């Protein structure tokens, strides 16, 4: 069995969403500035075709301008001991979908970097923890925020468990909460704009990903 250190005390919230109650996590946004957000520091990402074959390198900013350039990305969903999805609400400093509930962590592999390796790196950088991950699959989505840019990604979905306590970076994460899968689906139906489009699309493509991850990692 994979031993997982609890990420927070979930007991104070009995509703469909259990929010992190650690005060150092609940007030993340007060301790960061926009200049610290990772998207401010441009770096190359990997342009790909629809079969995930590499075409070349493109700047991260360029990949998200206009309608976007299809590029390789990943999203991770960590699952707690009760099978709930640990989702991060994106910080107010994000270029795209600021303050939307998204995933546990997302990002882009650097040239020459594997998807799992990149995901573990970003989990350490954004969530301040380590995690065991496994690949579920991939999907393509495109979504645009007029005047701000687009996501146009071949996105690899990874699921797993945190193996140490979370210490999120407030420049990247506004808050973290645990969502039951069925209630998350209902919340998305009621207020889709509160959620990032790649999360919505991932649940359409892989609706049982969290449950399968719970079984695999126990």
Protein backbone atom coordinates (compact mmCIF):
# COMPACT_ATOMS: atom_id res chain seq x y z
CA UNK A 1 0.00 0.00 0.00
CA UNK A 2 1.23 3.51 -0.81
CA UNK A 3 1.48 5.46 2.44
CA UNK A 4 0.15 9.00 1.92
CA UNK A 5 0.65 11.83 4.39
CA UNK A 6 -2.62 13.74 4.90
CA UNK A 7 -2.59 17.06 3.07
CA UNK A 8 -4.93 18.84 5.49
CA UNK A 9 -7.77 18.41 7.99
CA UNK A 10 -10.87 17.78 5.85
CA UNK A 11 -13.26 17.18 8.74
CA UNK A 12 -14.69 20.71 9.08
CA UNK A 13 -16.61 20.58 5.81
CA UNK A 14 -19.22 17.86 5.38
CA UNK A 15 -20.76 19.08 2.10
CA UNK A 16 -19.86 18.05 -1.45
CA UNK A 17 -16.65 20.10 -1.42
CA UNK A 18 -14.21 19.81 1.47
CA UNK A 19 -12.00 22.88 1.58
CA UNK A 20 -8.47 22.96 2.92
CA UNK A 21 -8.56 24.60 6.34
CA UNK A 22 -4.84 25.15 6.98
CA UNK A 23 -4.55 28.97 7.29
CA UNK A 24 -1.25 28.98 5.42
CA UNK A 25 -3.05 27.44 2.45
CA UNK A 26 -6.39 29.22 2.72
CA UNK A 27 -4.79 32.67 2.29
CA UNK A 28 -2.31 31.84 -0.44
CA UNK A 29 -3.15 34.75 -2.71
CA UNK A 30 -2.15 37.32 -0.09
CA UNK A 31 1.48 36.20 -0.19
CA UNK A 32 2.25 36.40 -3.90
CA UNK A 33 2.65 38.86 -6.74
CA UNK A 34 1.91 38.57 -10.44
CA UNK A 35 5.60 38.80 -11.27
CA UNK A 36 6.22 35.50 -9.48
CA UNK A 37 3.78 33.50 -11.62
CA UNK A 38 5.49 30.91 -13.82
CA UNK A 39 3.83 32.10 -17.06
CA UNK A 40 5.72 35.37 -16.77
CA UNK A 41 8.96 33.49 -17.48
CA UNK A 42 8.75 32.34 -21.08
CA UNK A 43 10.34 29.04 -22.06
CA UNK A 44 10.04 26.67 -25.02
CA UNK A 45 7.24 24.11 -25.25
CA UNK A 46 6.84 21.27 -27.74
CA UNK A 47 4.62 21.79 -30.78
CA UNK A 48 3.02 18.51 -31.88
CA UNK A 49 0.63 17.07 -34.44
CA UNK A 50 -2.64 15.33 -33.52
CA UNK A 51 -0.76 12.06 -32.96
CA UNK A 52 1.63 13.72 -30.49
CA UNK A 53 4.53 13.60 -32.91
CA UNK A 54 6.96 16.42 -32.22
CA UNK A 55 7.07 19.19 -34.83
CA UNK A 56 9.47 21.55 -33.10
CA UNK A 57 9.80 24.08 -30.32
CA UNK A 58 7.69 27.17 -29.82
CA UNK A 59 7.68 29.75 -27.05
CA UNK A 60 5.09 29.20 -24.34
CA UNK A 61 3.73 32.69 -24.92
CA UNK A 62 3.51 32.13 -28.67
CA UNK A 63 1.76 28.80 -28.20
CA UNK A 64 -1.02 30.58 -26.29
CA UNK A 65 -1.45 33.69 -28.48
CA UNK A 66 -4.40 34.04 -30.82
CA UNK A 67 -5.99 30.68 -31.57
CA UNK A 68 -2.94 28.94 -30.13
CA UNK A 69 -0.50 26.39 -31.56
CA UNK A 70 -1.12 22.74 -30.76
CA UNK A 71 1.48 21.70 -28.19
CA UNK A 72 2.15 18.98 -25.63
CA UNK A 73 0.82 19.54 -22.14
CA UNK A 74 -0.25 17.58 -19.09
CA UNK A 75 -2.69 17.84 -16.22
CA UNK A 76 -2.52 15.91 -12.97
CA UNK A 77 -5.33 14.88 -10.65
CA UNK A 78 -4.32 13.76 -7.18
CA UNK A 79 -6.82 11.65 -5.24
CA UNK A 80 -7.15 11.48 -1.47
CA UNK A 81 -7.81 8.40 0.66
CA UNK A 82 -11.58 8.78 0.25
CA UNK A 83 -11.42 8.89 -3.55
CA UNK A 84 -11.93 12.65 -3.73
CA UNK A 85 -10.17 14.77 -6.32
CA UNK A 86 -7.74 17.33 -4.91
CA UNK A 87 -8.22 20.32 -7.18
CA UNK A 88 -6.38 23.63 -7.15
CA UNK A 89 -8.07 26.92 -7.88
CA UNK A 90 -5.78 28.86 -10.18
CA UNK A 91 -4.27 32.01 -8.75
CA UNK A 92 -5.44 35.48 -9.74
CA UNK A 93 -2.07 35.97 -11.44
CA UNK A 94 -2.60 33.37 -14.17
CA UNK A 95 -2.78 34.65 -17.75
CA UNK A 96 -5.64 32.29 -18.68
CA UNK A 97 -8.57 31.10 -16.56
CA UNK A 98 -7.46 32.91 -13.44
CA UNK A 99 -9.37 31.82 -10.32
CA UNK A 100 -10.92 28.83 -12.10
CA UNK A 101 -10.94 25.39 -10.51
CA UNK A 102 -8.74 23.26 -12.73
CA UNK A 103 -6.75 20.20 -11.62
CA UNK A 104 -4.12 19.44 -9.02
CA UNK A 105 -1.36 20.79 -11.23
CA UNK A 106 -0.77 21.32 -14.94
CA UNK A 107 2.03 22.38 -17.24
CA UNK A 108 4.19 21.60 -20.25
CA UNK A 109 7.13 19.23 -20.69
CA UNK A 110 10.32 20.99 -21.67
CA UNK A 111 12.10 19.82 -24.81
CA UNK A 112 13.73 16.47 -24.01
CA UNK A 113 11.67 16.01 -20.82
CA UNK A 114 9.20 13.15 -20.35
CA UNK A 115 5.57 13.82 -19.42
CA UNK A 116 5.68 12.09 -16.02
CA UNK A 117 9.03 13.71 -15.21
CA UNK A 118 7.60 17.13 -16.09
CA UNK A 119 4.46 16.54 -14.03
CA UNK A 120 6.44 15.54 -10.97
CA UNK A 121 8.62 18.64 -11.39
CA UNK A 122 5.62 20.97 -11.59
CA UNK A 123 3.93 19.27 -8.63
CA UNK A 124 7.03 20.03 -6.57
CA UNK A 125 7.09 23.62 -7.85
CA UNK A 126 3.37 24.41 -7.56
CA UNK A 127 2.15 22.18 -4.73
CA UNK A 128 5.39 21.74 -2.80
CA UNK A 129 4.96 17.99 -2.52
CA UNK A 130 5.93 14.74 -4.19
CA UNK A 131 3.50 12.34 -5.84
CA UNK A 132 3.20 8.92 -7.43
CA UNK A 133 1.57 9.22 -10.85
CA UNK A 134 0.33 7.05 -13.66
CA UNK A 135 -0.85 7.97 -17.15
CA UNK A 136 -4.54 7.56 -17.98
CA UNK A 137 -4.47 8.79 -21.58
CA UNK A 138 -4.50 11.99 -23.61
CA UNK A 139 -6.97 14.25 -25.38
CA UNK A 140 -6.95 17.36 -27.56
CA UNK A 141 -8.88 20.49 -26.69
CA UNK A 142 -8.94 24.11 -27.79
CA UNK A 143 -10.47 26.97 -25.83
CA UNK A 144 -10.09 30.74 -26.22
CA UNK A 145 -10.47 33.70 -23.90
CA UNK A 146 -10.98 36.67 -26.25
CA UNK A 147 -8.25 39.24 -25.87
CA UNK A 148 -6.17 37.06 -23.56
CA UNK A 149 -5.18 33.99 -25.56
CA UNK A 150 -6.01 30.33 -26.04
CA UNK A 151 -5.28 26.84 -24.88
CA UNK A 152 -4.64 24.52 -27.83
CA UNK A 153 -3.17 21.40 -26.31
CA UNK A 154 -2.65 17.71 -26.65
CA UNK A 155 -3.06 17.10 -22.94
CA UNK A 156 -1.83 14.01 -21.09
CA UNK A 157 -3.90 13.13 -18.03
CA UNK A 158 -2.01 11.73 -15.04
CA UNK A 159 -3.61 10.56 -11.81
CA UNK A 160 -2.06 9.60 -8.50
CA UNK A 161 -1.53 10.24 -4.82
CA UNK A 162 0.51 12.83 -2.95
CA UNK A 163 3.28 11.21 -0.93
CA UNK A 164 4.03 14.24 1.24
CA UNK A 165 2.14 17.21 2.63
CA UNK A 166 1.08 20.02 0.30
CA UNK A 167 2.72 23.45 0.55
CA UNK A 168 1.32 25.30 -2.51
CA UNK A 169 3.00 28.26 -4.19
CA UNK A 170 0.60 31.23 -3.82
CA UNK A 171 1.75 32.68 -7.14
CA UNK A 172 0.25 29.61 -8.82
CA UNK A 173 -2.51 28.38 -6.50
CA UNK A 174 -5.29 30.37 -4.84
CA UNK A 175 -6.68 27.46 -2.80
CA UNK A 176 -6.97 23.67 -2.77
CA UNK A 177 -10.10 21.63 -2.09
CA UNK A 178 -11.30 18.03 -2.22
CA UNK A 179 -14.20 17.27 -4.57
CA UNK A 180 -16.30 14.15 -4.68
CA UNK A 181 -16.52 13.06 -8.31
CA UNK A 182 -20.33 12.98 -8.56
CA UNK A 183 -20.69 16.37 -6.88
CA UNK A 184 -17.99 17.87 -9.07
CA UNK A 185 -19.97 16.82 -12.13
CA UNK A 186 -23.05 18.55 -10.72
CA UNK A 187 -21.10 21.70 -9.86
CA UNK A 188 -19.73 21.91 -13.41
CA UNK A 189 -23.24 21.58 -14.83
CA UNK A 190 -24.50 24.37 -12.57
CA UNK A 191 -21.59 26.80 -13.04
CA UNK A 192 -19.33 25.71 -15.93
CA UNK A 193 -17.50 29.05 -16.04
CA UNK A 194 -16.04 28.36 -12.60
CA UNK A 195 -14.00 25.46 -14.01
CA UNK A 196 -11.14 25.35 -16.50
CA UNK A 197 -12.08 23.87 -19.89
CA UNK A 198 -9.40 21.17 -19.77
CA UNK A 199 -10.86 19.80 -16.53
CA UNK A 200 -14.33 19.69 -18.10
CA UNK A 201 -12.99 17.95 -21.20
CA UNK A 202 -10.94 15.45 -19.18
CA UNK A 203 -14.03 14.35 -17.27
CA UNK A 204 -15.88 13.85 -20.55
CA UNK A 205 -13.04 11.71 -21.89
CA UNK A 206 -12.14 9.86 -18.69
CA UNK A 207 -15.13 10.04 -16.28
CA UNK A 208 -13.89 7.24 -14.01
CA UNK A 209 -10.25 8.31 -13.81
CA UNK A 210 -10.35 9.13 -10.10
CA UNK A 211 -11.98 5.85 -9.14
CA UNK A 212 -9.51 3.79 -11.13
CA UNK A 213 -6.63 5.72 -9.59
CA UNK A 214 -7.92 5.01 -6.10
CA UNK A 215 -7.95 1.28 -6.80
CA UNK A 216 -4.52 1.30 -8.45
CA UNK A 217 -2.70 3.21 -5.73
CA UNK A 218 -4.09 1.26 -2.75
